[in-house]
Amino acid sequence: MYNRNIILLSVLFIILLQFSKSQQIDKSNYIENNYLSLSSSSSSDDSSSSDGWVEPPACGDLTLCLFTEINYKGFQYEFSIYDGYVNLPDQIKRNITSFVSNAKVCFISFSPNFNTQQISFGEFLSNYYIIFGNSVDSIKSGEC
């Protein structure tokens, strides 16, 4: 009876582990499918479209620009690498919907669990909220 319970718990653990891995794969596929490279170009000037490519706005040197709405709209917050570490203000905390990064920075979430995401120089996303933007509490310059 004891061995059977261990086997059942082991099988349950493997199933949960596989489910967890599949969730991570789905998130990374979303990032790959929605990541826009700075080297991309577009002939469209219509920035009001939410389903097409939207050119990211200019962001200062060694600066990260955060926005509360998709397609780089809404409240804007700028983080400089010289700021070091910042607890985000309430207007943008857990509400990063799009961003443009001209610096290497680390997004930090404290709840429900401590988690980080590395952002590289040249990265930008026009719809980041469901990936990790709804949980970012703080930012620090450099590596996570």
C-alpha atoms as a PDB file:
ATOM      1  CA  MET A   1       0.000   0.000   0.000  1.00  0.00           C
ATOM      2  CA  TYR A   2       2.838   2.404   0.890  1.00  0.00           C
ATOM      3  CA  ASN A   3       4.646   1.770  -2.441  1.00  0.00           C
ATOM      4  CA  ARG A   4       1.445   2.288  -4.402  1.00  0.00           C
ATOM      5  CA  ASN A   5       0.937   5.704  -2.766  1.00  0.00           C
ATOM      6  CA  ILE A   6       4.492   6.719  -3.623  1.00  0.00           C
ATOM      7  CA  ILE A   7       3.981   5.669  -7.230  1.00  0.00           C
ATOM      8  CA  LEU A   8       0.718   7.636  -7.441  1.00  0.00           C
ATOM      9  CA  LEU A   9       2.365  10.726  -5.966  1.00  0.00           C
ATOM     10  CA  SER A  10       5.271  10.381  -8.402  1.00  0.00           C
ATOM     11  CA  VAL A  11       2.914  10.161 -11.371  1.00  0.00           C
ATOM     12  CA  LEU A  12       0.974  13.183 -10.123  1.00  0.00           C
ATOM     13  CA  PHE A  13       4.228  15.129  -9.721  1.00  0.00           C
ATOM     14  CA  ILE A  14       5.295  14.271 -13.292  1.00  0.00           C
ATOM     15  CA  ILE A  15       1.919  15.378 -14.663  1.00  0.00           C
ATOM     16  CA  LEU A  16       2.123  18.690 -12.787  1.00  0.00           C
ATOM     17  CA  LEU A  17       5.694  19.213 -13.973  1.00  0.00           C
ATOM     18  CA  GLN A  18       4.679  18.613 -17.605  1.00  0.00           C
ATOM     19  CA  PHE A  19       1.747  21.014 -17.225  1.00  0.00           C
ATOM     20  CA  SER A  20       4.069  23.661 -15.796  1.00  0.00           C
ATOM     21  CA  LYS A  21       6.510  23.227 -18.695  1.00  0.00           C
ATOM     22  CA  SER A  22       3.706  23.512 -21.241  1.00  0.00           C
ATOM     23  CA  GLN A  23       2.587  26.797 -19.681  1.00  0.00           C
ATOM     24  CA  GLN A  24       6.133  28.178 -19.961  1.00  0.00           C
ATOM     25  CA  ILE A  25       6.349  27.084 -23.592  1.00  0.00           C
ATOM     26  CA  ASP A  26       3.077  28.852 -24.385  1.00  0.00           C
ATOM     27  CA  LYS A  27       4.393  32.062 -22.820  1.00  0.00           C
ATOM     28  CA  SER A  28       7.680  31.890 -24.750  1.00  0.00           C
ATOM     29  CA  ASN A  29       5.771  31.208 -27.998  1.00  0.00           C
ATOM     30  CA  TYR A  30       3.701  34.306 -27.300  1.00  0.00           C
ATOM     31  CA  ILE A  31       6.871  36.345 -26.825  1.00  0.00           C
ATOM     32  CA  GLU A  32       8.401  34.990 -30.053  1.00  0.00           C
ATOM     33  CA  ASN A  33       5.246  35.687 -32.037  1.00  0.00           C
ATOM     34  CA  ASN A  34       4.794  39.213 -30.661  1.00  0.00           C
ATOM     35  CA  TYR A  35       8.406  40.365 -30.300  1.00  0.00           C
ATOM     36  CA  LEU A  36       9.319  43.131 -32.674  1.00  0.00           C
ATOM     37  CA  SER A  37      12.950  43.702 -33.607  1.00  0.00           C
ATOM     38  CA  LEU A  38      14.374  47.203 -33.897  1.00  0.00           C
ATOM     39  CA  SER A  39      15.741  46.211 -37.296  1.00  0.00           C
ATOM     40  CA  SER A  40      12.206  45.665 -38.663  1.00  0.00           C
ATOM     41  CA  SER A  41      10.726  48.222 -40.973  1.00  0.00           C
ATOM     42  CA  SER A  42       7.190  49.103 -41.900  1.00  0.00           C
ATOM     43  CA  SER A  43       5.591  51.094 -44.674  1.00  0.00           C
ATOM     44  CA  SER A  44       2.422  51.682 -42.652  1.00  0.00           C
ATOM     45  CA  ASP A  45       1.973  55.036 -40.955  1.00  0.00           C
ATOM     46  CA  ASP A  46      -1.267  54.032 -39.198  1.00  0.00           C
ATOM     47  CA  SER A  47      -0.324  53.871 -35.516  1.00  0.00           C
ATOM     48  CA  SER A  48      -3.933  53.573 -34.390  1.00  0.00           C
ATOM     49  CA  SER A  49      -4.227  49.937 -35.483  1.00  0.00           C
ATOM     50  CA  SER A  50      -3.957  47.452 -32.613  1.00  0.00           C
ATOM     51  CA  ASP A  51      -3.515  44.398 -34.844  1.00  0.00           C
ATOM     52  CA  GLY A  52      -0.718  45.670 -37.104  1.00  0.00           C
ATOM     53  CA  TRP A  53       2.878  46.647 -36.604  1.00  0.00           C
ATOM     54  CA  VAL A  54       3.345  49.888 -34.710  1.00  0.00           C
ATOM     55  CA  GLU A  55       6.647  51.707 -34.857  1.00  0.00           C
ATOM     56  CA  PRO A  56       7.982  52.232 -31.338  1.00  0.00           C
ATOM     57  CA  PRO A  57       8.561  55.816 -30.247  1.00  0.00           C
ATOM     58  CA  ALA A  58      12.027  57.214 -29.672  1.00  0.00           C
ATOM     59  CA  CYS A  59      13.392  56.546 -26.202  1.00  0.00           C
ATOM     60  CA  GLY A  60      16.477  58.262 -24.776  1.00  0.00           C
ATOM     61  CA  ASP A  61      19.943  56.714 -24.633  1.00  0.00           C
ATOM     62  CA  LEU A  62      20.392  54.218 -21.768  1.00  0.00           C
ATOM     63  CA  THR A  63      16.706  54.638 -20.961  1.00  0.00           C
ATOM     64  CA  LEU A  64      13.693  52.340 -20.654  1.00  0.00           C
ATOM     65  CA  CYS A  65      10.330  53.845 -21.641  1.00  0.00           C
ATOM     66  CA  LEU A  66       7.204  52.245 -20.148  1.00  0.00           C
ATOM     67  CA  PHE A  67       3.579  52.825 -21.203  1.00  0.00           C
ATOM     68  CA  THR A  68       0.215  51.939 -19.627  1.00  0.00           C
ATOM     69  CA  GLU A  69      -1.561  51.220 -22.931  1.00  0.00           C
ATOM     70  CA  ILE A  70      -0.813  49.047 -25.947  1.00  0.00           C
ATOM     71  CA  ASN A  71       1.038  50.544 -28.906  1.00  0.00           C
ATOM     72  CA  TYR A  72       3.117  52.856 -26.677  1.00  0.00           C
ATOM     73  CA  LYS A  73       0.247  55.061 -25.517  1.00  0.00           C
ATOM     74  CA  GLY A  74      -1.142  56.198 -22.186  1.00  0.00           C
ATOM     75  CA  PHE A  75       0.885  57.288 -19.177  1.00  0.00           C
ATOM     76  CA  GLN A  76       4.632  57.193 -19.913  1.00  0.00           C
ATOM     77  CA  TYR A  77       7.393  56.532 -17.378  1.00  0.00           C
ATOM     78  CA  GLU A  78      11.112  56.758 -18.148  1.00  0.00           C
ATOM     79  CA  PHE A  79      13.764  54.799 -16.257  1.00  0.00           C
ATOM     80  CA  SER A  80      17.452  55.655 -16.711  1.00  0.00           C
ATOM     81  CA  ILE A  81      20.213  53.164 -15.928  1.00  0.00           C
ATOM     82  CA  TYR A  82      21.610  55.877 -13.648  1.00  0.00           C
ATOM     83  CA  ASP A  83      18.520  55.458 -11.448  1.00  0.00           C
ATOM     84  CA  GLY A  84      19.954  52.087 -10.354  1.00  0.00           C
ATOM     85  CA  TYR A  85      16.919  50.572  -8.619  1.00  0.00           C
ATOM     86  CA  VAL A  86      13.383  51.985  -8.550  1.00  0.00           C
ATOM     87  CA  ASN A  87      10.104  50.924  -6.978  1.00  0.00           C
ATOM     88  CA  LEU A  88       7.645  51.885  -9.684  1.00  0.00           C
ATOM     89  CA  PRO A  89       5.067  54.618  -9.007  1.00  0.00           C
ATOM     90  CA  ASP A  90       1.443  53.531  -8.647  1.00  0.00           C
ATOM     91  CA  GLN A  91       0.491  54.786 -12.157  1.00  0.00           C
ATOM     92  CA  ILE A  92       2.745  52.187 -13.840  1.00  0.00           C
ATOM     93  CA  LYS A  93       3.266  49.532 -11.139  1.00  0.00           C
ATOM     94  CA  ARG A  94       1.763  46.219 -12.346  1.00  0.00           C
ATOM     95  CA  ASN A  95       0.462  48.067 -15.399  1.00  0.00           C
ATOM     96  CA  ILE A  96       3.232  47.964 -18.031  1.00  0.00           C
ATOM     97  CA  THR A  97       1.400  47.375 -21.281  1.00  0.00           C
ATOM     98  CA  SER A  98       4.140  48.334 -23.743  1.00  0.00           C
ATOM     99  CA  PHE A  99       7.796  49.314 -23.523  1.00  0.00           C
ATOM    100  CA  VAL A 100      10.904  50.381 -25.462  1.00  0.00           C
ATOM    101  CA  SER A 101      14.305  49.545 -23.994  1.00  0.00           C
ATOM    102  CA  ASN A 102      17.544  51.299 -24.851  1.00  0.00           C
ATOM    103  CA  ALA A 103      19.260  49.684 -21.864  1.00  0.00           C
ATOM    104  CA  LYS A 104      19.755  46.330 -20.188  1.00  0.00           C
ATOM    105  CA  VAL A 105      17.359  46.215 -17.227  1.00  0.00           C
ATOM    106  CA  CYS A 106      15.699  43.729 -14.907  1.00  0.00           C
ATOM    107  CA  PHE A 107      11.944  43.702 -14.252  1.00  0.00           C
ATOM    108  CA  ILE A 108      11.173  42.516 -10.710  1.00  0.00           C
ATOM    109  CA  SER A 109       7.949  41.136  -9.253  1.00  0.00           C
ATOM    110  CA  PHE A 110       7.539  40.486  -5.519  1.00  0.00           C
ATOM    111  CA  SER A 111       4.116  38.885  -5.334  1.00  0.00           C
ATOM    112  CA  PRO A 112       2.647  36.401  -5.423  1.00  0.00           C
ATOM    113  CA  ASN A 113       6.234  35.069  -5.747  1.00  0.00           C
ATOM    114  CA  PHE A 114       9.583  36.736  -6.344  1.00  0.00           C
ATOM    115  CA  ASN A 115      10.263  36.660 -10.077  1.00  0.00           C
ATOM    116  CA  THR A 116      12.481  38.531 -12.529  1.00  0.00           C
ATOM    117  CA  GLN A 117      12.665  39.033 -16.274  1.00  0.00           C
ATOM    118  CA  GLN A 118      15.748  40.247 -18.121  1.00  0.00           C
ATOM    119  CA  ILE A 119      15.154  42.949 -20.729  1.00  0.00           C
ATOM    120  CA  SER A 120      17.905  43.602 -23.261  1.00  0.00           C
ATOM    121  CA  PHE A 121      19.020  46.712 -25.109  1.00  0.00           C
ATOM    122  CA  GLY A 122      16.888  47.128 -28.240  1.00  0.00           C
ATOM    123  CA  GLU A 123      13.897  45.110 -27.006  1.00  0.00           C
ATOM    124  CA  PHE A 124      10.393  46.483 -27.356  1.00  0.00           C
ATOM    125  CA  LEU A 125       6.871  45.107 -27.232  1.00  0.00           C
ATOM    126  CA  SER A 126       3.630  46.863 -28.065  1.00  0.00           C
ATOM    127  CA  ASN A 127       1.480  44.505 -25.937  1.00  0.00           C
ATOM    128  CA  TYR A 128       3.421  43.226 -22.914  1.00  0.00           C
ATOM    129  CA  TYR A 129       0.761  43.262 -20.180  1.00  0.00           C
ATOM    130  CA  ILE A 130      -0.246  39.583 -20.220  1.00  0.00           C
ATOM    131  CA  ILE A 131       3.350  38.344 -20.443  1.00  0.00           C
ATOM    132  CA  PHE A 132       4.803  39.954 -17.302  1.00  0.00           C
ATOM    133  CA  GLY A 133       3.748  43.610 -17.345  1.00  0.00           C
ATOM    134  CA  ASN A 134       0.844  42.974 -14.988  1.00  0.00           C
ATOM    135  CA  SER A 135       3.207  41.928 -12.193  1.00  0.00           C
ATOM    136  CA  VAL A 136       6.234  44.271 -12.381  1.00  0.00           C
ATOM    137  CA  ASP A 137       6.819  46.113  -9.106  1.00  0.00           C
ATOM    138  CA  SER A 138      10.386  47.372  -9.516  1.00  0.00           C
ATOM    139  CA  ILE A 139      13.178  47.851 -12.046  1.00  0.00           C
ATOM    140  CA  LYS A 140      16.935  47.694 -11.646  1.00  0.00           C
ATOM    141  CA  SER A 141      19.598  48.474 -14.201  1.00  0.00           C
ATOM    142  CA  GLY A 142      21.844  45.679 -15.490  1.00  0.00           C
ATOM    143  CA  GLU A 143      21.506  41.930 -15.082  1.00  0.00           C
ATOM    144  CA  CYS A 144      18.825  40.255 -12.983  1.00  0.00           C
END
